[in-house]
Amino acid sequence: MADKSKLTIRILILIIALLALAVLYAFVIRPTVSGFVMNKQIDAYNQGQTDLLNNILVQLQQTGNAQISVGDEYTLTLTGRLDPVSPSQ
């Protein structure tokens, strides 16, 4: 009889430990990992925007125009000079 009681207590302790781990995962670990992943995605998106603008500026400086594809049928062409603006203007 005492062995059955000890076994029951051990099983209950195991169930409580598993439930505690599930709660810890749901409310601490998963939100932390999701936040980390979201921050990395935002950083990558911002870096992509910066790289795109830098590439457009370099292309404008080298060739005087830059072409950007818009969809399958259209192309946006940017033309112009990139001269520094003097303070007197």
Foldseek 3Di string as FASTA:
>chain_A
DVVVVVVVVVVVVVVVVVVVVVVCCVPPVVVVVVVVVVVVVVVVVVVVVVVVVVVQVVCCAPPQKDWDDDPDPDIDIDGDDDDDDDPVD
